[in-house]
Amino acid sequence: MGKQDITNLNLPVVIALKDGNGEEIYRGEHLIGEQQTSLELITDQQVATAAIDPDYILPSAFLKDNVKTIRSER
């Protein structure tokens, strides 16, 4: 019901990666300082989903946008 504004966060946000079985293979905090931020995370397992703020700590009107399916580059 309130007004939404886009702003730079400048705070640590949790990023989580899961495999195809839903097992978490990575969780870490990363400083997100811009509206668009690129991260390169290298794992030794195939990643199926990536989530930003997987515990939904930050307020968001679009919670479904927090988790994205990762397509394999095979």
N, C-alpha and C. Protein backbone atom coordinates (compact mmCIF):
# COMPACT_ATOMS: atom_id res chain seq x y z
N MET A 1 0.82 -1.20 0.00
CA MET A 1 0.00 0.00 0.00
C MET A 1 0.86 1.26 0.00
N GLY A 2 2.15 1.12 0.32
CA GLY A 2 3.01 2.29 0.37
C GLY A 2 3.73 2.50 -0.94
N LYS A 3 4.46 3.59 -1.03
CA LYS A 3 5.24 3.93 -2.20
C LYS A 3 6.55 3.16 -2.19
N GLN A 4 6.94 2.61 -3.33
CA GLN A 4 8.20 1.88 -3.44
C GLN A 4 9.22 2.73 -4.18
N ASP A 5 10.43 2.76 -3.65
CA ASP A 5 11.53 3.48 -4.27
C ASP A 5 12.69 2.52 -4.48
N ILE A 6 13.43 2.71 -5.56
CA ILE A 6 14.64 1.94 -5.83
C ILE A 6 15.80 2.71 -5.24
N THR A 7 16.65 2.00 -4.51
CA THR A 7 17.79 2.64 -3.88
C THR A 7 18.97 1.67 -3.84
N ASN A 8 20.17 2.19 -3.70
CA ASN A 8 21.34 1.34 -3.50
C ASN A 8 21.32 0.82 -2.07
N LEU A 9 21.67 -0.46 -1.90
CA LEU A 9 21.60 -1.08 -0.59
C LEU A 9 22.79 -0.75 0.30
N ASN A 10 24.01 -0.98 -0.23
CA ASN A 10 25.24 -0.79 0.54
C ASN A 10 25.20 -1.56 1.86
N LEU A 11 24.78 -2.82 1.80
CA LEU A 11 24.77 -3.68 2.97
C LEU A 11 24.98 -5.11 2.55
N PRO A 12 25.47 -5.94 3.48
CA PRO A 12 25.70 -7.34 3.12
C PRO A 12 24.38 -8.08 2.96
N VAL A 13 24.30 -8.89 1.91
CA VAL A 13 23.12 -9.68 1.61
C VAL A 13 23.56 -11.13 1.44
N VAL A 14 22.78 -12.06 1.96
CA VAL A 14 23.10 -13.48 1.86
C VAL A 14 22.75 -13.98 0.46
N ILE A 15 23.69 -14.73 -0.12
CA ILE A 15 23.48 -15.41 -1.40
C ILE A 15 23.58 -16.90 -1.10
N ALA A 16 22.62 -17.69 -1.61
CA ALA A 16 22.64 -19.13 -1.39
C ALA A 16 22.47 -19.85 -2.72
N LEU A 17 23.23 -20.93 -2.89
CA LEU A 17 23.14 -21.76 -4.08
C LEU A 17 22.72 -23.16 -3.66
N LYS A 18 21.83 -23.78 -4.43
CA LYS A 18 21.38 -25.15 -4.14
C LYS A 18 21.57 -26.03 -5.35
N ASP A 19 21.77 -27.32 -5.09
CA ASP A 19 21.89 -28.29 -6.18
C ASP A 19 20.50 -28.78 -6.58
N GLY A 20 20.45 -29.71 -7.51
CA GLY A 20 19.19 -30.23 -8.03
C GLY A 20 18.34 -30.97 -7.01
N ASN A 21 18.95 -31.40 -5.91
CA ASN A 21 18.23 -32.08 -4.84
C ASN A 21 17.74 -31.12 -3.76
N GLY A 22 17.99 -29.84 -3.95
CA GLY A 22 17.59 -28.85 -2.96
C GLY A 22 18.55 -28.69 -1.81
N GLU A 23 19.73 -29.33 -1.92
CA GLU A 23 20.75 -29.22 -0.87
C GLU A 23 21.55 -27.94 -1.08
N GLU A 24 21.74 -27.18 -0.03
CA GLU A 24 22.51 -25.95 -0.11
C GLU A 24 23.99 -26.29 -0.27
N ILE A 25 24.60 -25.75 -1.33
CA ILE A 25 26.02 -26.01 -1.57
C ILE A 25 26.88 -24.76 -1.33
N TYR A 26 26.23 -23.62 -1.16
CA TYR A 26 26.96 -22.39 -0.86
C TYR A 26 26.03 -21.42 -0.16
N ARG A 27 26.55 -20.73 0.84
CA ARG A 27 25.85 -19.63 1.50
C ARG A 27 26.91 -18.65 1.96
N GLY A 28 26.76 -17.39 1.58
CA GLY A 28 27.72 -16.38 1.99
C GLY A 28 27.14 -14.99 1.88
N GLU A 29 27.72 -14.07 2.64
CA GLU A 29 27.30 -12.68 2.59
C GLU A 29 28.16 -11.93 1.58
N HIS A 30 27.52 -11.09 0.79
CA HIS A 30 28.21 -10.28 -0.20
C HIS A 30 27.67 -8.86 -0.10
N LEU A 31 28.56 -7.89 -0.22
CA LEU A 31 28.15 -6.50 -0.19
C LEU A 31 27.51 -6.14 -1.53
N ILE A 32 26.27 -5.74 -1.47
CA ILE A 32 25.54 -5.31 -2.67
C ILE A 32 25.45 -3.80 -2.59
N GLY A 33 26.17 -3.11 -3.47
CA GLY A 33 26.24 -1.66 -3.39
C GLY A 33 25.55 -0.92 -4.51
N GLU A 34 25.14 -1.63 -5.53
CA GLU A 34 24.52 -1.00 -6.69
C GLU A 34 23.19 -1.68 -7.01
N GLN A 35 22.37 -1.03 -7.81
CA GLN A 35 21.10 -1.65 -8.22
C GLN A 35 21.35 -2.91 -9.04
N GLN A 36 22.40 -2.91 -9.83
CA GLN A 36 22.80 -4.09 -10.59
C GLN A 36 24.21 -4.44 -10.19
N THR A 37 24.37 -5.63 -9.62
CA THR A 37 25.67 -6.10 -9.15
C THR A 37 25.93 -7.47 -9.74
N SER A 38 27.14 -7.70 -10.24
CA SER A 38 27.52 -9.01 -10.77
C SER A 38 28.42 -9.72 -9.77
N LEU A 39 28.14 -11.00 -9.55
CA LEU A 39 28.98 -11.84 -8.72
C LEU A 39 29.36 -13.07 -9.52
N GLU A 40 30.58 -13.53 -9.34
CA GLU A 40 31.01 -14.80 -9.94
C GLU A 40 31.35 -15.74 -8.81
N LEU A 41 30.56 -16.81 -8.69
CA LEU A 41 30.78 -17.81 -7.66
C LEU A 41 31.12 -19.12 -8.36
N ILE A 42 32.22 -19.74 -7.97
CA ILE A 42 32.66 -20.98 -8.59
C ILE A 42 32.45 -22.11 -7.59
N THR A 43 31.75 -23.15 -8.02
CA THR A 43 31.49 -24.30 -7.16
C THR A 43 31.99 -25.57 -7.84
N ASP A 44 32.14 -26.62 -7.05
CA ASP A 44 32.54 -27.91 -7.62
C ASP A 44 31.33 -28.81 -7.86
N GLN A 45 30.13 -28.25 -7.69
CA GLN A 45 28.89 -28.98 -7.94
C GLN A 45 28.01 -28.17 -8.88
N GLN A 46 27.10 -28.87 -9.57
CA GLN A 46 26.16 -28.21 -10.47
C GLN A 46 25.13 -27.43 -9.65
N VAL A 47 24.95 -26.17 -9.97
CA VAL A 47 24.00 -25.31 -9.26
C VAL A 47 22.65 -25.36 -9.99
N ALA A 48 21.57 -25.56 -9.24
CA ALA A 48 20.22 -25.58 -9.81
C ALA A 48 19.47 -24.29 -9.55
N THR A 49 19.66 -23.70 -8.35
CA THR A 49 19.00 -22.44 -8.03
C THR A 49 19.95 -21.51 -7.29
N ALA A 50 19.73 -20.23 -7.48
CA ALA A 50 20.47 -19.20 -6.77
C ALA A 50 19.45 -18.29 -6.11
N ALA A 51 19.71 -17.93 -4.86
CA ALA A 51 18.79 -17.07 -4.12
C ALA A 51 19.53 -15.91 -3.50
N ILE A 52 18.93 -14.75 -3.58
CA ILE A 52 19.43 -13.57 -2.87
C ILE A 52 18.46 -13.35 -1.71
N ASP A 53 19.00 -13.18 -0.52
CA ASP A 53 18.20 -13.06 0.69
C ASP A 53 17.25 -14.25 0.83
N PRO A 54 17.82 -15.49 0.88
CA PRO A 54 16.98 -16.69 0.90
C PRO A 54 16.10 -16.83 2.14
N ASP A 55 16.44 -16.12 3.21
CA ASP A 55 15.65 -16.18 4.44
C ASP A 55 14.62 -15.04 4.51
N TYR A 56 14.54 -14.26 3.43
CA TYR A 56 13.57 -13.15 3.32
C TYR A 56 13.66 -12.18 4.50
N ILE A 57 14.89 -11.74 4.79
CA ILE A 57 15.12 -10.78 5.86
C ILE A 57 14.77 -9.36 5.41
N LEU A 58 15.11 -9.04 4.17
CA LEU A 58 14.86 -7.70 3.65
C LEU A 58 13.43 -7.59 3.13
N PRO A 59 12.81 -6.43 3.31
CA PRO A 59 11.45 -6.26 2.78
C PRO A 59 11.46 -6.28 1.26
N SER A 60 10.49 -6.96 0.68
CA SER A 60 10.39 -7.06 -0.77
C SER A 60 8.94 -7.27 -1.17
N ALA A 61 8.51 -6.57 -2.19
CA ALA A 61 7.15 -6.75 -2.70
C ALA A 61 7.07 -7.95 -3.65
N PHE A 62 8.21 -8.43 -4.11
CA PHE A 62 8.24 -9.50 -5.11
C PHE A 62 9.14 -10.63 -4.62
N LEU A 63 8.71 -11.38 -3.62
CA LEU A 63 9.53 -12.43 -3.02
C LEU A 63 9.90 -13.52 -4.01
N LYS A 64 9.06 -13.79 -5.01
CA LYS A 64 9.37 -14.83 -5.99
C LYS A 64 10.61 -14.48 -6.81
N ASP A 65 10.95 -13.20 -6.89
CA ASP A 65 12.14 -12.78 -7.63
C ASP A 65 13.43 -13.07 -6.88
N ASN A 66 13.35 -13.48 -5.61
CA ASN A 66 14.56 -13.76 -4.82
C ASN A 66 15.27 -15.03 -5.26
N VAL A 67 14.55 -15.98 -5.87
CA VAL A 67 15.13 -17.26 -6.26
C VAL A 67 15.03 -17.43 -7.77
N LYS A 68 16.14 -17.81 -8.38
CA LYS A 68 16.17 -18.01 -9.84
C LYS A 68 16.73 -19.39 -10.16
N THR A 69 16.18 -20.02 -11.17
CA THR A 69 16.68 -21.30 -11.66
C THR A 69 17.88 -21.04 -12.56
N ILE A 70 18.91 -21.84 -12.38
CA ILE A 70 20.15 -21.71 -13.17
C ILE A 70 20.12 -22.77 -14.27
N ARG A 71 20.31 -22.33 -15.50
CA ARG A 71 20.36 -23.25 -16.64
C ARG A 71 21.80 -23.69 -16.87
N SER A 72 21.97 -24.94 -17.14
CA SER A 72 23.29 -25.50 -17.40
C SER A 72 23.80 -25.02 -18.77
N GLU A 73 25.10 -24.82 -18.89
CA GLU A 73 25.71 -24.38 -20.15
C GLU A 73 26.26 -25.55 -20.95
N ARG A 74 25.73 -26.71 -20.79
CA ARG A 74 26.25 -27.90 -21.48
C ARG A 74 26.03 -27.84 -22.94
